[in-house]
Amino acid sequence: MAHEVRVKIDTAVVAHKDLEVVVKSDDGKIGTLLISKGNIEWLPKGNSVNKQRLSWAKFAEFMEEYGKPAKAK
């Protein structure tokens, strides 16, 4: 399954406006990842109201526990 990831960048530094990453699969849009200086949020497709939010500290914990190991370049 191929994924398409598009990034809308309005600025080099994330300050007052979120960095928006739209994620799509072969079946269509999966959702939108919103990255801000305070947290990271997931907005599932078809949902314009309820986001899933994690602080950066909680996101780091989540990735360390559930992320798949991969070599860094």
Protein backbone atom coordinates (compact mmCIF):
# COMPACT_ATOMS: atom_id res chain seq x y z
CA MET A 1 0.00 0.00 0.00
CA ALA A 2 1.54 3.29 -1.11
CA HIS A 3 0.93 6.43 0.90
CA GLU A 4 0.95 10.01 -0.29
CA VAL A 5 2.12 12.58 2.22
CA ARG A 6 1.78 16.28 1.43
CA VAL A 7 3.12 19.07 3.59
CA LYS A 8 1.86 22.63 3.59
CA ILE A 9 4.64 24.87 4.92
CA ASP A 10 3.89 28.54 5.45
CA THR A 11 6.98 29.26 7.54
CA ALA A 12 10.34 27.75 8.46
CA VAL A 13 9.60 27.94 12.20
CA VAL A 14 6.38 26.55 13.65
CA ALA A 15 5.13 29.45 15.76
CA HIS A 16 1.48 30.50 15.75
CA LYS A 17 0.24 28.38 12.85
CA ASP A 18 0.34 24.56 12.73
CA LEU A 19 2.37 22.65 10.18
CA GLU A 20 -0.22 20.59 8.32
CA VAL A 21 0.59 17.15 6.88
CA VAL A 22 -2.14 15.46 4.80
CA VAL A 23 -1.77 11.66 4.63
CA LYS A 24 -3.44 9.59 1.89
CA SER A 25 -3.43 5.91 0.96
CA ASP A 26 -4.58 4.20 -2.23
CA ASP A 27 -8.10 4.29 -0.76
CA GLY A 28 -8.06 8.06 -0.19
CA LYS A 29 -7.35 10.41 2.68
CA ILE A 30 -6.43 8.81 6.01
CA GLY A 31 -6.22 12.03 7.99
CA THR A 32 -4.24 15.16 8.76
CA LEU A 33 -1.32 15.50 11.16
CA LEU A 34 -1.08 18.94 12.80
CA ILE A 35 2.30 19.86 14.25
CA SER A 36 2.69 22.85 16.55
CA LYS A 37 5.29 24.03 19.02
CA GLY A 38 3.10 22.80 21.92
CA ASN A 39 1.83 19.43 20.73
CA ILE A 40 1.07 17.06 17.90
CA GLU A 41 -2.52 16.32 16.80
CA TRP A 42 -4.21 13.80 14.51
CA LEU A 43 -7.41 14.72 12.69
CA PRO A 44 -8.95 11.56 11.16
CA LYS A 45 -10.62 11.81 7.74
CA GLY A 46 -14.25 12.84 7.83
CA ASN A 47 -13.81 14.47 11.23
CA SER A 48 -13.55 18.26 11.35
CA VAL A 49 -14.15 18.67 15.09
CA ASN A 50 -12.47 16.04 17.29
CA LYS A 51 -8.68 15.81 17.14
CA GLN A 52 -6.43 13.40 19.02
CA ARG A 53 -3.74 15.41 20.86
CA LEU A 54 -0.44 14.48 22.49
CA SER A 55 2.16 16.70 24.12
CA TRP A 56 5.65 16.30 22.70
CA ALA A 57 6.71 14.48 25.88
CA LYS A 58 3.79 12.02 25.59
CA PHE A 59 4.48 11.57 21.87
CA ALA A 60 8.11 10.68 22.64
CA GLU A 61 6.95 8.14 25.26
CA PHE A 62 4.42 6.67 22.81
CA MET A 63 7.01 6.29 20.04
CA GLU A 64 9.56 4.71 22.37
CA GLU A 65 6.99 2.17 23.55
CA TYR A 66 5.11 1.41 20.32
CA GLY A 67 7.35 2.64 17.48
CA LYS A 68 9.14 0.12 15.28
CA PRO A 69 12.95 0.37 15.49
CA ALA A 70 14.63 1.75 12.36
CA LYS A 71 18.19 2.81 11.60
CA ALA A 72 18.80 6.56 11.58
CA LYS A 73 20.82 7.92 8.65
